Amino acid sequence: MSKAFLFVMQASAYDGNKIQEALDIVLITAAFDQKVSILLLDDAVFHLKNNQQSEQVSSKDIGALYRSLELYDIENVFVENDSIITSGLSEDDLLVPIKVIRRQEVGILFSQFDYVLNG
C-alpha cells in the first residue's frame, strides 16, 4: 500500500553532504512507488536555482537530482512564499515547476501526508 511522504528541506544547497543524502532518500522512497513531495523552506529555495556552480564548491550538482524528480513521478515541489521572496528568486529562476504556499498553510500541508520527514 502506497504512503504519502513529505520531505521538508531547510538547509542551504551545499551545506555538507546532508542535502545530497536527503535527496538520495527522496529518490529511493519514490522508487518504491510511494507518493513523495518536497517542501523547501528558507535557504533551501536555492536548491532549485538555475545555473548552479557546484564544481566551485567541489560538490555533486544537486540541480541534477532535482531535474530527475519527474522520472520518479515526484510532481509536487512546494516552496513557502516568504522564503522565495527573501531569496530574491522568481519562479523563472528555478529548475523545476513549483507550487507556492503561504507560511500559514504549512501545517495544513503537513496534515495531508502520512509521514513528514526533515531533510
N, C-alpha and C. Protein backbone atom coordinates (compact mmCIF):
# COMPACT_ATOMS: atom_id res chain seq x y z
N MET A 1 0.84 -1.18 0.00
CA MET A 1 0.00 0.00 0.00
C MET A 1 0.88 1.25 0.00
N SER A 2 0.57 2.18 -0.85
CA SER A 2 1.34 3.40 -1.00
C SER A 2 1.06 4.38 0.13
N LYS A 3 2.11 4.99 0.62
CA LYS A 3 2.01 6.02 1.66
C LYS A 3 2.46 7.35 1.06
N ALA A 4 2.03 8.44 1.70
CA ALA A 4 2.39 9.78 1.24
C ALA A 4 3.48 10.35 2.15
N PHE A 5 4.60 10.74 1.54
CA PHE A 5 5.75 11.27 2.26
C PHE A 5 5.98 12.72 1.85
N LEU A 6 6.23 13.57 2.84
CA LEU A 6 6.64 14.95 2.58
C LEU A 6 8.03 15.13 3.20
N PHE A 7 8.99 15.47 2.36
CA PHE A 7 10.34 15.75 2.82
C PHE A 7 10.51 17.26 2.91
N VAL A 8 10.84 17.74 4.10
CA VAL A 8 10.98 19.17 4.35
C VAL A 8 12.46 19.52 4.38
N MET A 9 12.87 20.42 3.51
CA MET A 9 14.26 20.84 3.41
C MET A 9 14.37 22.31 3.85
N GLN A 10 15.36 22.59 4.71
CA GLN A 10 15.59 23.97 5.14
C GLN A 10 17.04 24.40 4.98
N ALA A 11 17.95 23.46 4.89
CA ALA A 11 19.38 23.80 4.83
C ALA A 11 19.76 24.30 3.43
N SER A 12 20.83 25.07 3.38
CA SER A 12 21.30 25.57 2.10
C SER A 12 21.80 24.43 1.22
N ALA A 13 21.90 24.70 -0.04
CA ALA A 13 22.16 23.66 -1.04
C ALA A 13 23.45 22.89 -0.83
N TYR A 14 24.52 23.55 -0.49
CA TYR A 14 25.81 22.87 -0.42
C TYR A 14 26.38 22.92 0.99
N ASP A 15 25.53 22.62 1.96
CA ASP A 15 25.91 22.60 3.37
C ASP A 15 26.31 21.17 3.74
N GLY A 16 27.47 20.75 3.28
CA GLY A 16 27.93 19.39 3.53
C GLY A 16 27.17 18.39 2.67
N ASN A 17 27.19 17.12 3.09
CA ASN A 17 26.54 16.06 2.33
C ASN A 17 25.09 15.83 2.73
N LYS A 18 24.62 16.53 3.74
CA LYS A 18 23.29 16.29 4.28
C LYS A 18 22.20 16.38 3.21
N ILE A 19 22.22 17.41 2.40
CA ILE A 19 21.17 17.60 1.40
C ILE A 19 21.26 16.54 0.31
N GLN A 20 22.46 16.22 -0.12
CA GLN A 20 22.62 15.18 -1.14
C GLN A 20 22.09 13.85 -0.63
N GLU A 21 22.40 13.53 0.62
CA GLU A 21 21.91 12.28 1.21
C GLU A 21 20.39 12.30 1.35
N ALA A 22 19.84 13.44 1.75
CA ALA A 22 18.38 13.56 1.88
C ALA A 22 17.71 13.37 0.52
N LEU A 23 18.29 13.96 -0.52
CA LEU A 23 17.71 13.81 -1.86
C LEU A 23 17.82 12.37 -2.36
N ASP A 24 18.89 11.69 -2.01
CA ASP A 24 19.00 10.27 -2.35
C ASP A 24 17.88 9.48 -1.69
N ILE A 25 17.57 9.80 -0.44
CA ILE A 25 16.48 9.12 0.28
C ILE A 25 15.14 9.44 -0.39
N VAL A 26 14.96 10.68 -0.82
CA VAL A 26 13.73 11.06 -1.53
C VAL A 26 13.55 10.18 -2.76
N LEU A 27 14.60 10.06 -3.56
CA LEU A 27 14.52 9.28 -4.80
C LEU A 27 14.32 7.79 -4.52
N ILE A 28 14.98 7.27 -3.51
CA ILE A 28 14.80 5.85 -3.16
C ILE A 28 13.37 5.59 -2.71
N THR A 29 12.82 6.50 -1.90
CA THR A 29 11.44 6.34 -1.44
C THR A 29 10.48 6.33 -2.62
N ALA A 30 10.69 7.25 -3.55
CA ALA A 30 9.83 7.32 -4.73
C ALA A 30 9.98 6.09 -5.62
N ALA A 31 11.18 5.53 -5.66
CA ALA A 31 11.42 4.34 -6.49
C ALA A 31 10.62 3.14 -6.00
N PHE A 32 10.21 3.17 -4.73
CA PHE A 32 9.38 2.10 -4.17
C PHE A 32 7.90 2.42 -4.26
N ASP A 33 7.54 3.21 -5.27
CA ASP A 33 6.14 3.55 -5.58
C ASP A 33 5.40 4.21 -4.42
N GLN A 34 6.10 5.03 -3.67
CA GLN A 34 5.46 5.82 -2.63
C GLN A 34 5.18 7.21 -3.20
N LYS A 35 4.15 7.85 -2.69
CA LYS A 35 3.83 9.21 -3.12
C LYS A 35 4.76 10.16 -2.36
N VAL A 36 5.63 10.87 -3.10
CA VAL A 36 6.64 11.72 -2.48
C VAL A 36 6.46 13.16 -2.95
N SER A 37 6.54 14.07 -1.99
CA SER A 37 6.54 15.50 -2.26
C SER A 37 7.67 16.14 -1.45
N ILE A 38 8.03 17.35 -1.85
CA ILE A 38 9.10 18.09 -1.19
C ILE A 38 8.60 19.48 -0.84
N LEU A 39 8.98 19.95 0.35
CA LEU A 39 8.71 21.32 0.76
C LEU A 39 10.05 22.00 1.04
N LEU A 40 10.29 23.11 0.37
CA LEU A 40 11.52 23.87 0.58
C LEU A 40 11.21 25.14 1.36
N LEU A 41 11.93 25.31 2.45
CA LEU A 41 11.78 26.48 3.31
C LEU A 41 13.12 27.20 3.43
N ASP A 42 13.07 28.49 3.67
CA ASP A 42 14.25 29.29 3.98
C ASP A 42 15.32 29.14 2.89
N ASP A 43 16.58 28.88 3.28
CA ASP A 43 17.68 28.80 2.30
C ASP A 43 17.57 27.62 1.34
N ALA A 44 16.73 26.67 1.65
CA ALA A 44 16.57 25.51 0.76
C ALA A 44 16.01 25.90 -0.60
N VAL A 45 15.41 27.08 -0.71
CA VAL A 45 14.91 27.55 -2.01
C VAL A 45 16.04 27.57 -3.04
N PHE A 46 17.25 27.84 -2.58
CA PHE A 46 18.39 27.92 -3.50
C PHE A 46 18.75 26.56 -4.10
N HIS A 47 18.19 25.46 -3.58
CA HIS A 47 18.41 24.14 -4.20
C HIS A 47 17.95 24.16 -5.65
N LEU A 48 16.93 24.96 -5.94
CA LEU A 48 16.30 24.95 -7.25
C LEU A 48 16.84 26.00 -8.21
N LYS A 49 17.83 26.76 -7.79
CA LYS A 49 18.34 27.84 -8.63
C LYS A 49 19.00 27.29 -9.90
N ASN A 50 18.62 27.88 -11.03
CA ASN A 50 19.26 27.54 -12.30
C ASN A 50 20.74 27.90 -12.28
N ASN A 51 21.51 27.22 -13.10
CA ASN A 51 22.93 27.53 -13.31
C ASN A 51 23.75 27.51 -12.03
N GLN A 52 23.56 26.47 -11.25
CA GLN A 52 24.38 26.31 -10.05
C GLN A 52 25.81 25.97 -10.46
N GLN A 53 26.75 26.40 -9.69
CA GLN A 53 28.16 26.18 -9.99
C GLN A 53 28.75 25.26 -8.93
N SER A 54 28.25 24.04 -8.89
CA SER A 54 28.65 23.10 -7.83
C SER A 54 30.13 22.73 -7.90
N GLU A 55 30.72 22.80 -9.08
CA GLU A 55 32.14 22.45 -9.19
C GLU A 55 33.02 23.42 -8.41
N GLN A 56 32.54 24.63 -8.18
CA GLN A 56 33.32 25.61 -7.42
C GLN A 56 33.38 25.27 -5.94
N VAL A 57 32.44 24.47 -5.47
CA VAL A 57 32.45 24.05 -4.06
C VAL A 57 32.77 22.56 -3.95
N SER A 58 33.27 21.98 -5.04
CA SER A 58 33.67 20.57 -5.08
C SER A 58 32.56 19.67 -4.55
N SER A 59 31.39 19.82 -5.12
CA SER A 59 30.24 19.07 -4.65
C SER A 59 29.44 18.53 -5.83
N LYS A 60 28.65 17.52 -5.54
CA LYS A 60 27.75 16.94 -6.53
C LYS A 60 26.67 17.97 -6.88
N ASP A 61 26.30 18.05 -8.13
CA ASP A 61 25.29 19.01 -8.59
C ASP A 61 23.91 18.55 -8.14
N ILE A 62 23.38 19.19 -7.10
CA ILE A 62 22.05 18.78 -6.64
C ILE A 62 20.97 19.21 -7.63
N GLY A 63 21.29 20.16 -8.49
CA GLY A 63 20.34 20.55 -9.53
C GLY A 63 19.98 19.36 -10.40
N ALA A 64 20.96 18.52 -10.69
CA ALA A 64 20.70 17.32 -11.50
C ALA A 64 19.72 16.39 -10.79
N LEU A 65 19.84 16.30 -9.46
CA LEU A 65 18.90 15.46 -8.70
C LEU A 65 17.49 16.02 -8.78
N TYR A 66 17.36 17.33 -8.67
CA TYR A 66 16.03 17.94 -8.76
C TYR A 66 15.45 17.80 -10.17
N ARG A 67 16.30 17.89 -11.19
CA ARG A 67 15.81 17.72 -12.56
C ARG A 67 15.31 16.30 -12.80
N SER A 68 15.79 15.35 -12.01
CA SER A 68 15.37 13.95 -12.20
C SER A 68 14.07 13.61 -11.45
N LEU A 69 13.53 14.53 -10.68
CA LEU A 69 12.32 14.23 -9.90
C LEU A 69 11.18 13.70 -10.76
N GLU A 70 11.01 14.28 -11.93
CA GLU A 70 9.92 13.86 -12.81
C GLU A 70 10.04 12.38 -13.20
N LEU A 71 11.25 11.90 -13.36
CA LEU A 71 11.47 10.49 -13.70
C LEU A 71 10.96 9.56 -12.61
N TYR A 72 10.90 10.07 -11.39
CA TYR A 72 10.45 9.29 -10.23
C TYR A 72 9.00 9.61 -9.85
N ASP A 73 8.30 10.29 -10.75
CA ASP A 73 6.91 10.69 -10.53
C ASP A 73 6.73 11.58 -9.30
N ILE A 74 7.73 12.39 -9.01
CA ILE A 74 7.63 13.38 -7.93
C ILE A 74 7.20 14.68 -8.59
N GLU A 75 5.94 14.99 -8.42
CA GLU A 75 5.35 16.14 -9.11
C GLU A 75 5.16 17.35 -8.22
N ASN A 76 5.15 17.17 -6.91
CA ASN A 76 4.86 18.28 -6.01
C ASN A 76 6.11 18.76 -5.29
N VAL A 77 6.58 19.91 -5.72
CA VAL A 77 7.66 20.60 -5.03
C VAL A 77 7.05 21.91 -4.54
N PHE A 78 6.87 21.97 -3.23
CA PHE A 78 6.27 23.14 -2.61
C PHE A 78 7.37 24.08 -2.13
N VAL A 79 7.13 25.38 -2.30
CA VAL A 79 8.05 26.39 -1.81
C VAL A 79 7.22 27.41 -1.02
N GLU A 80 7.70 27.72 0.17
CA GLU A 80 6.99 28.68 1.02
C GLU A 80 7.23 30.08 0.47
N ASN A 81 6.15 30.85 0.35
CA ASN A 81 6.16 32.15 -0.31
C ASN A 81 7.19 33.12 0.27
N ASP A 82 7.24 33.29 1.58
CA ASP A 82 8.19 34.22 2.18
C ASP A 82 9.63 33.82 1.88
N SER A 83 9.88 32.53 1.80
CA SER A 83 11.24 32.05 1.51
C SER A 83 11.67 32.44 0.11
N ILE A 84 10.77 32.33 -0.85
CA ILE A 84 11.15 32.68 -2.22
C ILE A 84 11.31 34.19 -2.36
N ILE A 85 10.49 34.95 -1.66
CA ILE A 85 10.63 36.41 -1.71
C ILE A 85 11.96 36.83 -1.09
N THR A 86 12.28 36.29 0.07
CA THR A 86 13.53 36.63 0.77
C THR A 86 14.75 36.25 -0.06
N SER A 87 14.66 35.16 -0.81
CA SER A 87 15.79 34.70 -1.62
C SER A 87 16.09 35.63 -2.79
N GLY A 88 15.10 36.40 -3.21
CA GLY A 88 15.27 37.26 -4.37
C GLY A 88 15.09 36.52 -5.68
N LEU A 89 14.71 35.25 -5.61
CA LEU A 89 14.50 34.45 -6.81
C LEU A 89 13.05 34.57 -7.27
N SER A 90 12.83 34.30 -8.54
CA SER A 90 11.47 34.21 -9.07
C SER A 90 11.28 32.79 -9.62
N GLU A 91 10.08 32.46 -9.95
CA GLU A 91 9.82 31.11 -10.49
C GLU A 91 10.61 30.88 -11.78
N ASP A 92 10.90 31.93 -12.52
CA ASP A 92 11.68 31.80 -13.76
C ASP A 92 13.14 31.42 -13.50
N ASP A 93 13.61 31.65 -12.27
CA ASP A 93 14.99 31.33 -11.90
C ASP A 93 15.17 29.88 -11.46
N LEU A 94 14.09 29.11 -11.44
CA LEU A 94 14.13 27.78 -10.82
C LEU A 94 14.18 26.66 -11.85
N LEU A 95 14.74 25.54 -11.44
CA LEU A 95 14.95 24.38 -12.30
C LEU A 95 13.67 23.61 -12.64
N VAL A 96 12.77 23.56 -11.68
CA VAL A 96 11.56 22.74 -11.83
C VAL A 96 10.34 23.57 -11.46
N PRO A 97 9.17 23.17 -11.97
CA PRO A 97 7.94 23.88 -11.58
C PRO A 97 7.68 23.69 -10.08
N ILE A 98 7.15 24.72 -9.46
CA ILE A 98 6.87 24.67 -8.02
C ILE A 98 5.42 25.03 -7.74
N LYS A 99 5.01 24.70 -6.53
CA LYS A 99 3.72 25.14 -6.02
C LYS A 99 4.02 26.02 -4.81
N VAL A 100 3.62 27.27 -4.88
CA VAL A 100 3.91 28.22 -3.81
C VAL A 100 2.81 28.14 -2.76
N ILE A 101 3.22 28.06 -1.49
CA ILE A 101 2.26 28.06 -0.39
C ILE A 101 2.64 29.15 0.61
N ARG A 102 1.65 29.62 1.35
CA ARG A 102 1.90 30.62 2.39
C ARG A 102 2.36 29.92 3.67
N ARG A 103 3.10 30.63 4.49
CA ARG A 103 3.61 30.08 5.76
C ARG A 103 2.47 29.50 6.59
N GLN A 104 1.32 30.16 6.60
CA GLN A 104 0.17 29.70 7.37
C GLN A 104 -0.39 28.36 6.87
N GLU A 105 -0.08 27.99 5.65
CA GLU A 105 -0.59 26.76 5.06
C GLU A 105 0.31 25.55 5.30
N VAL A 106 1.48 25.77 5.88
CA VAL A 106 2.42 24.68 6.08
C VAL A 106 1.83 23.58 6.96
N GLY A 107 1.19 23.95 8.06
CA GLY A 107 0.57 22.95 8.95
C GLY A 107 -0.50 22.16 8.25
N ILE A 108 -1.29 22.82 7.43
CA ILE A 108 -2.34 22.14 6.66
C ILE A 108 -1.70 21.16 5.68
N LEU A 109 -0.61 21.59 5.05
CA LEU A 109 0.11 20.71 4.12
C LEU A 109 0.61 19.47 4.85
N PHE A 110 1.19 19.65 6.04
CA PHE A 110 1.69 18.51 6.82
C PHE A 110 0.58 17.49 7.06
N SER A 111 -0.62 17.95 7.33
CA SER A 111 -1.72 17.04 7.65
C SER A 111 -2.16 16.17 6.48
N GLN A 112 -1.73 16.49 5.28
CA GLN A 112 -2.11 15.75 4.09
C GLN A 112 -1.19 14.55 3.81
N PHE A 113 -0.19 14.35 4.66
CA PHE A 113 0.79 13.29 4.43
C PHE A 113 0.82 12.30 5.59
N ASP A 114 1.13 11.06 5.24
CA ASP A 114 1.28 10.01 6.27
C ASP A 114 2.56 10.23 7.06
N TYR A 115 3.62 10.68 6.38
CA TYR A 115 4.92 10.89 7.02
C TYR A 115 5.48 12.24 6.58
N VAL A 116 5.95 13.01 7.55
CA VAL A 116 6.64 14.27 7.30
C VAL A 116 8.04 14.13 7.86
N LEU A 117 9.04 14.23 6.99
CA LEU A 117 10.43 13.98 7.37
C LEU A 117 11.29 15.20 7.12
N ASN A 118 12.17 15.49 8.04
CA ASN A 118 13.10 16.59 7.89
C ASN A 118 14.27 16.13 7.03
N GLY A 119 14.59 16.90 6.00
CA GLY A 119 15.66 16.51 5.10
C GLY A 119 16.92 17.29 5.31
